[in-house]
Amino acid sequence: MAGLFEKHRVTLDKAIEVAAARTYWSAYPEAPSGKIYGETAKADAEAAFIAMRGKPFDLGQNAGHTVGQEKSPWGFDLGISYAAPSVAELIERGTAAGKRWACASGDERAGICLEILHRINRQSFLIGNAVMHTTGQGFAMAFQAGGPHAQDRGLEAVAYAVMEMRKVPKAALWEKPQGGGQEPLRLEKSWRIIPRGIGVVVGCATFPTWNGYPGLFASLATGNSVIVKPHPMAILPMAITLRIARAVLVEEGYDADVVQLAPDNLDQPIAKELVTHPAVGIVDFTGSNAFGQWVRENARDKQVYTEEAGVNSIVIDSTSNYKGMCQNIAFSLSLYSGQMCTAPQNIYVPRGGIATDEGHKSLEDVTRGIASAVEKLVSSPERAAGVLGAIQNPATLDRVKAVSAKGKVALASTSYEPPGTSGARTATPAILTADAGNPADDALVSSEQFGPISFIVATNTTSQAIALAAGLARAKGAITAAIYSTSGATIVEAADAFAQAGVNLSCNLTGGIFVNQSAAFSDYHVSGANPAGNASLTDAAFVANRFRVAGLRRPAGG
């Protein structure tokens, strides 16, 4: 069955090429344009999404009971129910379906994965609606991050899987010379890729597809059946994904249960039972440090890949574009209301101020400059809806209020009413000020305050700021960091410090690229070198341990 592999060979070859070069490329257009996806794609997807609400979602997974608690942060219940097989049923079905899947060639599995991604891409508008109304992202972001950008990450995982599997030769003639005129010892040897075990993907509520696709497709491509356990409040995006995947598998003669959905409710979670089951060999987890630690400690016999929480920082030393700097930081603080694992939290500024193209700016000037840029950015409800989106979890609103009550507020968080909605859960960014060395302030800024919360932290020097931010990354984890400086020596100092802390560093961003963004095929998302996660999306280490190699040897010619 080389049909799908040949159909998508050009795409795969390009993905492998670009993953090695780490330059820009995207297989899936990110513009939500009717010229690309069809003139009626947007309207069709909206109608399909509305039609899903208040009904059972049929995946062909029989179960004795159903679950479903999803509520749109934009102000309404989805009312969708999902069949919820028991863990025992999921494992039994995944084990049975996985036997034939494991016997398929790596090329055949890759072709099927690429066909799944292709069909997912054609449903990007529908997935965008599902992501928007489970996570609270604005539609443009939900379409891009939940659709094409997530698909690129899935393709990247398949490309790396193929690269790693191709390093294993299919067969060889082994000859060992013998002395005394004797014939060499000859063996015919062959090797096959074997799966690690059932893969479990434990999803998050904020980026269900972007964080879910890499593990899903890396495990599938390397021969493992997969069970997806989405967050109870963000099931729909992965349910749509798996409906597409199951259809392709059946068309190609495989059991649909090679991929399964494992939905649950908040009050009856199944993740612990699932990830510790003996038949599970791989766990991909995105979520909190607390549960991430539990998974790492209790699934020690599995191959575990985690992305957890951290405290991301910006160090401001000096700038040649003060206005651009303030605007760039304001957008980074505002995007999806800070509900991103890459969003900055702590902004370190020397007490004596900074040198800029507009002259010297005091600490107070910098604080006002960033706060004013945020206010301007979100002043229009229409623009705020696209940039801020809505708040996924009510606990985030509680956190904004609690933290604001403890600190010195430079910009207060307020709610806004998105046009055309009623009851949306919203909050504009809160900016607080803090002093490095003050025990109460240090306690606030040294932990992740998830959501639209940031701190401008006064330091004695830039060197102290770099040391504090890098030290916090080593201790608590960080995925991103940024520095603004016109000094080459300062940038080198920061680059060394953050590299040692395992953090990706961005320098002097003032245009249309933001510290929050991570590009497939180029950026290594999470280093795996600090507590923010133990794996990187996507490198060879992310896929190579998802399979093993079994050999066969026999006398040559025998």
Protein backbone atom coordinates (compact mmCIF):
# COMPACT_ATOMS: atom_id res chain seq x y z
CA MET A 1 0.00 0.00 0.00
CA ALA A 2 2.37 2.69 -1.24
CA GLY A 3 -0.43 4.93 -2.52
CA LEU A 4 -0.68 7.43 0.34
CA PHE A 5 3.06 7.53 0.86
CA GLU A 6 3.63 8.38 -2.80
CA LYS A 7 0.75 10.86 -2.73
CA HIS A 8 2.44 12.83 0.07
CA ARG A 9 6.10 12.05 -0.66
CA VAL A 10 6.90 15.59 -1.83
CA THR A 11 5.47 17.07 1.38
CA LEU A 12 7.38 14.60 3.54
CA ASP A 13 10.66 15.12 1.70
CA LYS A 14 10.31 18.89 2.09
CA ALA A 15 9.49 18.53 5.80
CA ILE A 16 12.61 16.40 6.33
CA GLU A 17 14.74 18.89 4.41
CA VAL A 18 13.49 21.92 6.33
CA ALA A 19 13.61 20.19 9.72
CA ALA A 20 17.32 19.65 9.12
CA ALA A 21 17.91 23.22 7.93
CA ARG A 22 15.57 24.85 10.53
CA THR A 23 14.53 27.54 8.01
CA TYR A 24 11.00 28.86 7.38
CA TRP A 25 8.44 26.59 5.76
CA SER A 26 4.81 25.75 6.33
CA ALA A 27 2.93 22.95 4.64
CA TYR A 28 -0.47 24.30 5.59
CA PRO A 29 -1.61 27.88 4.77
CA GLU A 30 -2.29 29.89 7.92
CA ALA A 31 -4.60 32.47 6.32
CA PRO A 32 -8.31 31.72 6.94
CA SER A 33 -9.06 32.53 3.33
CA GLY A 34 -11.88 31.24 1.18
CA LYS A 35 -9.54 31.31 -1.80
CA ILE A 36 -7.44 28.64 -0.07
CA TYR A 37 -9.97 26.57 1.84
CA GLY A 38 -13.06 27.15 -0.30
CA GLU A 39 -15.38 30.11 -0.62
CA THR A 40 -18.02 28.54 1.61
CA ALA A 41 -15.58 26.93 4.10
CA LYS A 42 -16.15 29.52 6.83
CA ALA A 43 -19.94 29.42 6.63
CA ASP A 44 -20.00 25.64 6.29
CA ALA A 45 -17.81 25.23 9.37
CA GLU A 46 -19.93 27.60 11.46
CA ALA A 47 -23.06 25.69 10.47
CA ALA A 48 -21.38 22.36 11.24
CA PHE A 49 -20.26 23.61 14.64
CA ILE A 50 -23.76 24.82 15.51
CA ALA A 51 -25.17 21.48 14.40
CA MET A 52 -22.83 19.63 16.79
CA ARG A 53 -24.05 21.49 19.87
CA GLY A 54 -26.44 19.74 22.19
CA LYS A 55 -25.92 16.32 20.60
CA PRO A 56 -23.83 13.16 21.02
CA PHE A 57 -20.56 13.16 19.09
CA ASP A 58 -20.33 9.84 17.25
CA LEU A 59 -16.83 8.38 16.97
CA GLY A 60 -17.94 4.79 16.67
CA GLN A 61 -16.60 4.01 20.16
CA ASN A 62 -19.18 1.97 22.03
CA ALA A 63 -19.43 2.65 25.75
CA GLY A 64 -21.82 2.19 28.60
CA HIS A 65 -21.98 5.84 29.55
CA THR A 66 -21.24 9.30 28.23
CA VAL A 67 -19.50 12.45 29.47
CA GLY A 68 -19.53 16.09 28.46
CA GLN A 69 -19.11 19.33 30.40
CA GLU A 70 -17.67 21.74 27.83
CA LYS A 71 -18.65 25.38 28.12
CA SER A 72 -17.55 28.08 25.75
CA PRO A 73 -15.63 30.88 27.49
CA TRP A 74 -17.54 33.11 25.09
CA GLY A 75 -20.73 32.52 27.06
CA PHE A 76 -22.65 29.31 26.33
CA ASP A 77 -22.67 25.56 26.95
CA LEU A 78 -21.66 23.28 24.11
CA GLY A 79 -23.92 20.50 25.37
CA ILE A 80 -21.99 17.82 23.47
CA SER A 81 -21.75 14.31 24.90
CA TYR A 82 -19.08 11.73 24.16
CA ALA A 83 -19.06 7.97 24.60
CA ALA A 84 -16.63 7.23 27.43
CA PRO A 85 -15.19 3.70 27.35
CA SER A 86 -13.55 2.41 30.52
CA VAL A 87 -9.79 2.30 30.74
CA ALA A 88 -9.95 -1.49 30.48
CA GLU A 89 -11.99 -1.24 27.27
CA LEU A 90 -9.67 1.35 25.77
CA ILE A 91 -6.60 -0.74 26.52
CA GLU A 92 -8.15 -3.94 25.19
CA ARG A 93 -9.20 -2.28 21.94
CA GLY A 94 -5.94 -0.40 21.51
CA THR A 95 -3.90 -3.55 22.08
CA ALA A 96 -5.90 -5.56 19.54
CA ALA A 97 -5.88 -2.80 16.91
CA GLY A 98 -2.20 -2.09 17.43
CA LYS A 99 -0.99 -5.55 16.39
CA ARG A 100 -1.53 -5.06 12.67
CA TRP A 101 -0.56 -1.39 12.83
CA ALA A 102 2.82 -2.40 14.28
CA CYS A 103 3.42 -4.70 11.31
CA ALA A 104 2.94 -1.95 8.72
CA SER A 105 6.07 -0.47 7.19
CA GLY A 106 7.30 2.89 8.38
CA ASP A 107 6.56 4.40 4.96
CA GLU A 108 3.00 3.09 4.99
CA ARG A 109 2.33 4.50 8.45
CA ALA A 110 3.87 7.82 7.44
CA GLY A 111 1.64 7.98 4.36
CA ILE A 112 -1.46 7.38 6.47
CA CYS A 113 -0.38 10.02 9.01
CA LEU A 114 0.18 12.52 6.20
CA GLU A 115 -3.25 11.77 4.72
CA ILE A 116 -4.81 12.32 8.14
CA LEU A 117 -3.04 15.67 8.45
CA HIS A 118 -4.11 16.64 4.93
CA ARG A 119 -7.77 15.96 5.74
CA ILE A 120 -7.48 17.71 9.10
CA ASN A 121 -6.16 20.73 7.23
CA ARG A 122 -9.23 20.78 5.00
CA GLN A 123 -11.33 21.01 8.20
CA SER A 124 -9.30 23.88 9.69
CA PHE A 125 -12.31 26.20 9.88
CA LEU A 126 -14.30 23.64 11.85
CA ILE A 127 -11.39 22.90 14.16
CA GLY A 128 -10.88 26.65 14.54
CA ASN A 129 -14.45 27.01 15.81
CA ALA A 130 -13.96 24.07 18.16
CA VAL A 131 -10.72 25.52 19.54
CA MET A 132 -12.23 28.99 19.90
CA HIS A 133 -15.20 27.74 21.88
CA THR A 134 -13.29 25.44 24.20
CA THR A 135 -10.16 27.50 24.87
CA GLY A 136 -11.41 31.08 24.56
CA GLN A 137 -8.95 32.05 21.84
CA GLY A 138 -10.08 34.63 19.31
CA PHE A 139 -11.05 33.05 16.00
CA ALA A 140 -7.97 34.10 14.03
CA MET A 141 -5.66 32.66 16.66
CA ALA A 142 -7.81 29.56 17.11
CA PHE A 143 -7.72 28.96 13.35
CA GLN A 144 -3.97 29.45 13.03
CA ALA A 145 -2.65 27.90 16.24
CA GLY A 146 -5.31 25.21 16.46
CA GLY A 147 -5.25 24.51 12.73
CA PRO A 148 -2.29 24.97 10.36
CA HIS A 149 0.33 25.65 13.04
CA ALA A 150 -0.70 22.53 14.96
CA GLN A 151 -0.74 20.56 11.71
CA ASP A 152 2.81 21.72 10.96
CA ARG A 153 3.89 20.44 14.39
CA GLY A 154 2.25 17.09 13.64
CA LEU A 155 3.99 16.91 10.27
CA GLU A 156 7.28 17.81 11.91
CA ALA A 157 6.87 14.87 14.30
CA VAL A 158 6.19 12.50 11.39
CA ALA A 159 9.26 13.79 9.55
CA TYR A 160 11.50 13.20 12.56
CA ALA A 161 9.99 9.76 13.08
CA VAL A 162 10.75 8.81 9.48
CA MET A 163 14.30 10.16 9.77
CA GLU A 164 14.97 8.13 12.91
CA MET A 165 13.41 4.93 11.57
CA ARG A 166 15.40 5.20 8.35
CA LYS A 167 18.58 4.98 10.39
CA VAL A 168 17.72 1.35 11.09
CA PRO A 169 18.75 -0.84 8.09
CA LYS A 170 16.30 -3.47 6.92
CA ALA A 171 18.92 -6.17 6.29
CA ALA A 172 22.66 -6.85 6.03
CA LEU A 173 25.10 -9.66 5.26
CA TRP A 174 27.45 -10.03 8.21
CA GLU A 175 30.85 -11.58 7.50
CA LYS A 176 33.54 -12.24 10.06
CA PRO A 177 36.93 -13.30 8.64
CA GLN A 178 38.62 -16.41 10.07
CA GLY A 179 42.27 -17.30 9.91
CA GLY A 180 43.91 -20.42 8.58
CA GLY A 181 42.29 -20.25 5.18
CA GLN A 182 38.83 -20.92 6.61
CA GLU A 183 35.72 -19.45 5.05
CA PRO A 184 34.36 -16.33 6.80
CA LEU A 185 31.50 -16.73 9.22
CA ARG A 186 28.40 -15.41 7.46
CA LEU A 187 25.05 -14.43 8.87
CA GLU A 188 22.06 -12.88 7.20
CA LYS A 189 20.65 -10.27 9.55
CA SER A 190 17.40 -8.32 9.37
CA TRP A 191 15.74 -5.84 11.67
CA ARG A 192 12.24 -4.56 12.23
CA ILE A 193 10.84 -1.55 14.07
CA ILE A 194 8.65 -2.56 16.99
CA PRO A 195 6.37 -0.27 19.02
CA ARG A 196 7.05 0.74 22.59
CA GLY A 197 3.45 0.15 23.70
CA ILE A 198 0.22 2.09 23.66
CA GLY A 199 0.80 5.83 23.56
CA VAL A 200 -1.32 8.06 25.78
CA VAL A 201 -1.65 11.77 25.01
CA VAL A 202 -2.91 13.80 27.98
CA GLY A 203 -4.09 17.13 26.59
CA CYS A 204 -4.41 20.65 27.96
CA ALA A 205 -7.31 23.09 27.96
CA THR A 206 -5.59 26.00 26.21
CA PHE A 207 -3.90 24.48 23.14
CA PRO A 208 -5.49 21.05 22.67
CA THR A 209 -4.30 20.45 19.09
CA TRP A 210 -1.03 22.40 19.04
CA ASN A 211 0.22 20.52 22.09
CA GLY A 212 -1.58 17.27 21.23
CA TYR A 213 -0.57 16.63 17.62
CA PRO A 214 3.20 16.13 18.13
CA GLY A 215 2.80 13.21 20.54
CA LEU A 216 -0.15 11.76 18.63
CA PHE A 217 1.64 11.64 15.29
CA ALA A 218 5.07 10.75 16.66
CA SER A 219 3.62 7.67 18.35
CA LEU A 220 1.45 6.70 15.38
CA ALA A 221 4.27 7.00 12.87
CA THR A 222 6.53 4.79 14.97
CA GLY A 223 3.97 1.99 15.17
CA ASN A 224 2.14 2.57 18.44
CA SER A 225 -1.61 2.70 18.84
CA VAL A 226 -2.69 5.88 20.65
CA ILE A 227 -5.29 6.86 23.23
CA VAL A 228 -5.98 10.60 23.49
CA LYS A 229 -7.16 11.82 26.90
CA PRO A 230 -8.14 15.46 26.28
CA HIS A 231 -8.82 18.00 28.98
CA PRO A 232 -12.49 17.65 30.02
CA MET A 233 -13.18 21.23 28.99
CA ALA A 234 -11.50 20.93 25.56
CA ILE A 235 -12.58 17.58 24.10
CA LEU A 236 -14.15 18.69 20.83
CA PRO A 237 -10.99 19.71 18.87
CA MET A 238 -9.39 16.31 19.45
CA ALA A 239 -12.69 14.48 18.87
CA ILE A 240 -12.91 16.04 15.40
CA THR A 241 -9.26 15.16 14.82
CA LEU A 242 -9.73 11.52 15.76
CA ARG A 243 -12.93 11.19 13.72
CA ILE A 244 -10.86 12.08 10.67
CA ALA A 245 -8.00 9.78 11.68
CA ARG A 246 -10.29 6.82 12.33
CA ALA A 247 -11.94 7.23 8.92
CA VAL A 248 -8.58 7.19 7.12
CA LEU A 249 -7.43 4.12 9.05
CA VAL A 250 -10.56 2.18 8.11
CA GLU A 251 -10.22 3.18 4.46
CA GLU A 252 -6.68 1.80 4.48
CA GLY A 253 -7.76 -1.49 5.99
CA TYR A 254 -6.83 -0.88 9.62
CA ASP A 255 -8.90 -0.99 12.78
CA ALA A 256 -10.21 2.45 13.72
CA ASP A 257 -9.18 1.76 17.31
CA VAL A 258 -5.54 2.37 16.40
CA VAL A 259 -6.57 5.82 17.68
CA GLN A 260 -9.15 6.28 20.43
CA LEU A 261 -10.63 9.12 22.44
CA ALA A 262 -10.69 8.79 26.23
CA PRO A 263 -12.97 11.60 27.40
CA ASP A 264 -13.72 12.17 31.07
CA ASN A 265 -15.34 14.71 33.40
CA LEU A 266 -13.61 16.97 35.90
CA ASP A 267 -15.18 15.14 38.82
CA GLN A 268 -14.32 11.66 37.53
CA PRO A 269 -10.83 11.86 36.00
CA ILE A 270 -9.23 8.80 34.42
CA ALA A 271 -5.74 10.09 33.58
CA LYS A 272 -4.00 8.46 36.55
CA GLU A 273 -5.49 5.03 35.85
CA LEU A 274 -4.72 5.38 32.16
CA VAL A 275 -1.09 6.50 32.28
CA THR A 276 -0.11 3.87 34.84
CA HIS A 277 -1.66 0.90 33.02
CA PRO A 278 0.96 -1.80 32.25
CA ALA A 279 0.06 -1.86 28.54
CA VAL A 280 0.91 1.83 28.15
CA GLY A 281 4.45 2.45 26.94
CA ILE A 282 4.45 6.17 26.15
CA VAL A 283 2.91 9.19 27.85
CA ASP A 284 2.75 12.70 26.39
CA PHE A 285 1.59 15.21 28.98
CA THR A 286 0.89 18.93 28.82
CA GLY A 287 -0.30 20.69 31.95
CA SER A 288 0.55 21.75 35.48
CA ASN A 289 3.79 21.10 37.34
CA ALA A 290 1.89 19.30 40.07
CA PHE A 291 0.32 16.68 37.83
CA GLY A 292 3.39 16.56 35.61
CA GLN A 293 5.46 15.60 38.63
CA TRP A 294 2.91 12.94 39.57
CA VAL A 295 3.09 11.45 36.08
CA ARG A 296 6.89 11.43 36.10
CA GLU A 297 7.00 9.77 39.52
CA ASN A 298 4.25 7.21 38.93
CA ALA A 299 4.86 6.27 35.31
CA ARG A 300 8.56 5.54 35.68
CA ASP A 301 8.32 2.41 33.54
CA LYS A 302 6.95 4.47 30.62
CA GLN A 303 8.64 6.82 28.20
CA VAL A 304 7.26 10.14 29.47
CA TYR A 305 7.37 13.44 27.59
CA THR A 306 6.14 16.52 29.45
CA GLU A 307 5.52 20.19 28.90
CA GLU A 308 4.74 21.87 32.20
CA ALA A 309 4.70 25.40 33.62
CA GLY A 310 7.41 28.00 34.07
CA VAL A 311 8.16 31.67 34.63
CA ASN A 312 9.16 33.49 31.44
CA SER A 313 11.08 36.75 31.68
CA ILE A 314 12.08 39.85 29.73
CA VAL A 315 15.20 41.86 30.60
CA ILE A 316 15.27 45.49 29.45
CA ASP A 317 18.74 47.03 29.36
CA SER A 318 18.47 49.59 26.54
CA THR A 319 16.80 49.94 23.14
CA SER A 320 17.14 51.73 19.83
CA ASN A 321 13.38 51.58 19.25
CA TYR A 322 11.57 52.50 22.44
CA LYS A 323 8.10 52.78 20.89
CA GLY A 324 8.49 49.49 19.03
CA MET A 325 9.74 47.78 22.19
CA CYS A 326 6.75 48.93 24.26
CA GLN A 327 4.30 47.90 21.55
CA ASN A 328 5.91 44.51 21.09
CA ILE A 329 5.90 43.76 24.81
CA ALA A 330 2.31 44.99 25.12
CA PHE A 331 1.17 42.57 22.42
CA SER A 332 3.10 39.71 24.03
CA LEU A 333 1.43 40.41 27.39
CA SER A 334 -2.02 40.69 25.81
CA LEU A 335 -2.06 37.80 23.33
CA TYR A 336 -4.70 35.27 24.45
CA SER A 337 -4.79 37.08 27.80
CA GLY A 338 -1.42 35.64 28.83
CA GLN A 339 -2.77 32.07 28.74
CA MET A 340 0.22 30.78 26.79
CA CYS A 341 3.13 28.72 28.07
CA THR A 342 5.38 31.12 26.18
CA ALA A 343 3.87 34.38 27.52
CA PRO A 344 6.24 36.65 29.48
CA GLN A 345 5.51 37.31 33.14
CA ASN A 346 8.45 39.16 34.72
CA ILE A 347 9.93 42.26 33.07
CA TYR A 348 13.21 43.25 34.71
CA VAL A 349 14.28 46.91 34.44
CA PRO A 350 17.24 48.67 36.16
CA ARG A 351 16.16 51.14 38.85
CA GLY A 352 18.22 53.84 37.21
CA GLY A 353 16.32 53.55 33.95
CA ILE A 354 17.46 52.76 30.41
CA ALA A 355 19.02 54.46 27.39
CA THR A 356 16.73 54.70 24.34
CA ASP A 357 16.45 56.39 20.96
CA GLU A 358 14.16 58.91 22.70
CA GLY A 359 16.71 59.69 25.39
CA HIS A 360 16.95 58.36 28.92
CA LYS A 361 13.81 56.69 30.26
CA SER A 362 13.30 56.20 33.98
CA LEU A 363 11.91 53.02 35.50
CA GLU A 364 8.60 54.84 35.88
CA ASP A 365 8.71 55.93 32.23
CA VAL A 366 9.20 52.33 31.07
CA THR A 367 6.34 51.16 33.26
CA ARG A 368 4.04 53.85 31.89
CA GLY A 369 5.20 53.18 28.32
CA ILE A 370 4.34 49.48 28.46
CA ALA A 371 1.08 50.06 30.35
CA SER A 372 -0.02 52.75 27.89
CA ALA A 373 0.76 50.47 24.94
CA VAL A 374 -1.39 47.74 26.49
CA GLU A 375 -4.25 50.18 27.12
CA LYS A 376 -4.14 51.41 23.54
CA LEU A 377 -3.99 47.88 22.13
CA VAL A 378 -7.09 46.67 23.98
CA SER A 379 -9.08 49.93 23.97
CA SER A 380 -11.30 48.74 21.14
CA PRO A 381 -13.63 45.83 22.06
CA GLU A 382 -13.38 44.49 18.50
CA ARG A 383 -9.57 44.45 18.62
CA ALA A 384 -9.57 43.15 22.20
CA ALA A 385 -11.73 40.20 21.18
CA GLY A 386 -9.20 39.20 18.54
CA VAL A 387 -6.09 39.74 20.67
CA LEU A 388 -7.20 38.94 24.22
CA GLY A 389 -9.87 36.37 23.49
CA ALA A 390 -11.66 35.04 26.55
CA ILE A 391 -10.52 33.43 29.80
CA GLN A 392 -10.58 29.63 29.57
CA ASN A 393 -10.84 28.84 33.28
CA PRO A 394 -12.77 30.86 35.91
CA ALA A 395 -9.90 30.18 38.34
CA THR A 396 -7.74 32.48 36.20
CA LEU A 397 -10.04 35.42 36.95
CA ASP A 398 -9.81 34.62 40.65
CA ARG A 399 -6.01 34.58 40.36
CA VAL A 400 -5.93 38.01 38.69
CA LYS A 401 -7.97 39.47 41.54
CA ALA A 402 -5.95 37.75 44.26
CA VAL A 403 -2.55 38.72 42.88
CA SER A 404 -3.65 42.30 42.20
CA ALA A 405 -4.73 42.60 45.83
CA LYS A 406 -1.25 41.58 47.00
CA GLY A 407 0.87 43.83 44.79
CA LYS A 408 1.37 47.38 43.60
CA VAL A 409 -0.85 47.82 40.55
CA ALA A 410 0.47 49.88 37.63
CA LEU A 411 -2.34 48.84 35.28
CA ALA A 412 -5.55 47.35 36.63
CA SER A 413 -7.26 44.46 34.92
CA THR A 414 -10.81 45.07 33.76
CA SER A 415 -13.38 43.05 31.87
CA TYR A 416 -14.62 43.95 28.41
CA GLU A 417 -17.69 42.94 26.40
CA PRO A 418 -16.82 41.31 23.06
CA PRO A 419 -19.18 42.50 20.32
CA GLY A 420 -21.99 40.09 19.57
CA THR A 421 -21.56 38.02 22.72
CA SER A 422 -23.25 37.80 26.09
CA GLY A 423 -21.61 36.43 29.21
CA ALA A 424 -18.09 36.02 27.84
CA ARG A 425 -15.41 35.56 30.52
CA THR A 426 -12.81 38.30 29.91
CA ALA A 427 -9.96 40.19 31.56
CA THR A 428 -7.50 42.76 30.26
CA PRO A 429 -3.85 42.50 31.38
CA ALA A 430 -2.87 43.48 34.91
CA ILE A 431 0.60 44.97 35.32
CA LEU A 432 2.12 45.19 38.80
CA THR A 433 5.43 46.61 39.99
CA ALA A 434 7.89 44.81 42.24
CA ASP A 435 11.30 45.35 43.82
CA ALA A 436 13.95 42.64 43.55
CA GLY A 437 15.09 41.77 47.03
CA ASN A 438 11.78 42.59 48.70
CA PRO A 439 10.66 39.25 50.22
CA ALA A 440 6.95 39.76 49.54
CA ASP A 441 7.58 40.83 45.95
CA ASP A 442 10.07 38.02 45.36
CA ALA A 443 7.48 35.51 46.51
CA LEU A 444 4.94 36.86 44.01
CA VAL A 445 7.20 36.97 40.97
CA SER A 446 9.02 33.68 41.58
CA SER A 447 5.98 31.51 40.82
CA GLU A 448 3.96 31.22 37.64
CA GLN A 449 0.89 33.46 37.84
CA PHE A 450 -0.98 31.99 34.89
CA GLY A 451 -3.13 34.41 32.94
CA PRO A 452 -3.05 38.16 32.17
CA ILE A 453 -0.68 39.01 35.01
CA SER A 454 2.79 40.52 34.68
CA PHE A 455 5.33 42.30 36.87
CA ILE A 456 7.80 45.05 36.15
CA VAL A 457 10.62 44.21 38.52
CA ALA A 458 13.16 46.85 39.55
CA THR A 459 16.77 45.63 39.78
CA ASN A 460 20.05 47.29 40.68
CA THR A 461 21.75 46.40 37.39
CA THR A 462 21.13 44.58 34.13
CA SER A 463 23.54 41.87 35.24
CA GLN A 464 21.45 41.30 38.34
CA ALA A 465 18.32 41.14 36.17
CA ILE A 466 19.88 38.50 33.91
CA ALA A 467 21.04 36.48 36.91
CA LEU A 468 17.62 36.64 38.57
CA ALA A 469 15.70 35.68 35.44
CA ALA A 470 18.06 32.84 34.48
CA GLY A 471 18.19 31.58 38.06
CA LEU A 472 14.40 31.53 38.23
CA ALA A 473 14.31 29.54 34.98
CA ARG A 474 16.70 26.95 36.39
CA ALA A 475 14.69 26.64 39.60
CA LYS A 476 11.11 26.93 38.37
CA GLY A 477 11.40 26.43 34.62
CA ALA A 478 10.96 28.75 31.65
CA ILE A 479 10.25 28.23 27.96
CA THR A 480 11.02 31.70 26.62
CA ALA A 481 13.11 34.71 27.55
CA ALA A 482 13.79 38.04 25.87
CA ILE A 483 16.31 40.83 26.19
CA TYR A 484 16.40 44.38 24.89
CA SER A 485 19.90 45.83 24.68
CA THR A 486 22.08 47.85 22.34
CA SER A 487 25.19 46.32 23.92
CA GLY A 488 26.66 43.28 22.20
CA ALA A 489 28.44 42.26 25.39
CA THR A 490 25.18 42.35 27.36
CA ILE A 491 23.44 40.20 24.77
CA VAL A 492 26.27 37.66 24.95
CA GLU A 493 26.02 37.68 28.76
CA ALA A 494 22.29 37.02 28.53
CA ALA A 495 22.67 34.37 25.84
CA ASP A 496 25.16 32.46 27.97
CA ALA A 497 23.06 32.71 31.13
CA PHE A 498 19.79 31.64 29.51
CA ALA A 499 21.42 28.86 27.50
CA GLN A 500 22.81 27.43 30.74
CA ALA A 501 19.27 27.63 32.13
CA GLY A 502 17.88 25.80 29.09
CA VAL A 503 15.80 28.72 27.80
CA ASN A 504 15.30 29.98 24.25
CA LEU A 505 16.25 33.67 24.08
CA SER A 506 14.88 36.37 21.76
CA CYS A 507 16.71 39.68 21.32
CA ASN A 508 15.37 43.14 20.49
CA LEU A 509 11.98 42.13 19.08
CA THR A 510 10.17 45.28 17.94
CA GLY A 511 8.25 44.22 14.83
CA GLY A 512 5.83 41.49 13.86
CA ILE A 513 7.61 38.64 15.66
CA PHE A 514 6.82 38.10 19.34
CA VAL A 515 8.47 36.15 22.13
CA ASN A 516 5.30 34.04 22.49
CA GLN A 517 5.60 32.54 19.02
CA SER A 518 7.24 29.20 18.24
CA ALA A 519 7.62 28.14 14.61
CA ALA A 520 7.46 24.51 13.52
CA PHE A 521 10.49 23.16 11.63
CA SER A 522 12.64 25.95 13.08
CA ASP A 523 12.15 26.69 16.79
CA TYR A 524 12.78 23.96 19.33
CA HIS A 525 9.77 24.46 21.60
CA VAL A 526 10.86 23.75 25.20
CA SER A 527 14.46 22.67 25.70
CA GLY A 528 13.85 19.81 28.11
CA ALA A 529 16.69 21.27 30.17
CA ASN A 530 14.73 22.92 33.00
CA PRO A 531 11.56 22.19 35.02
CA ALA A 532 9.25 23.60 32.31
CA GLY A 533 9.40 20.24 30.55
CA ASN A 534 11.58 17.22 29.86
CA ALA A 535 11.11 17.10 26.08
CA SER A 536 11.47 19.35 23.06
CA LEU A 537 9.08 19.82 20.15
CA THR A 538 10.42 18.55 17.93
CA ASP A 539 13.84 16.92 17.89
CA ALA A 540 15.20 13.42 17.38
CA ALA A 541 14.93 12.63 21.09
CA PHE A 542 11.18 13.29 20.93
CA VAL A 543 10.63 10.35 18.58
CA ALA A 544 13.60 7.96 18.81
CA ASN A 545 12.52 6.33 22.07
CA ARG A 546 9.00 5.63 20.83
CA PHE A 547 10.16 2.47 19.05
CA ARG A 548 12.57 -0.38 19.58
CA VAL A 549 14.41 -2.65 17.15
CA ALA A 550 14.10 -6.45 17.00
CA GLY A 551 16.62 -8.44 15.00
CA LEU A 552 16.64 -11.79 13.19
CA ARG A 553 19.84 -13.59 12.21
CA ARG A 554 20.54 -16.92 10.51
CA PRO A 555 23.38 -18.57 8.62
CA ALA A 556 23.81 -17.07 5.17
CA GLY A 557 22.13 -19.18 2.52
CA GLY A 558 20.49 -21.35 5.17
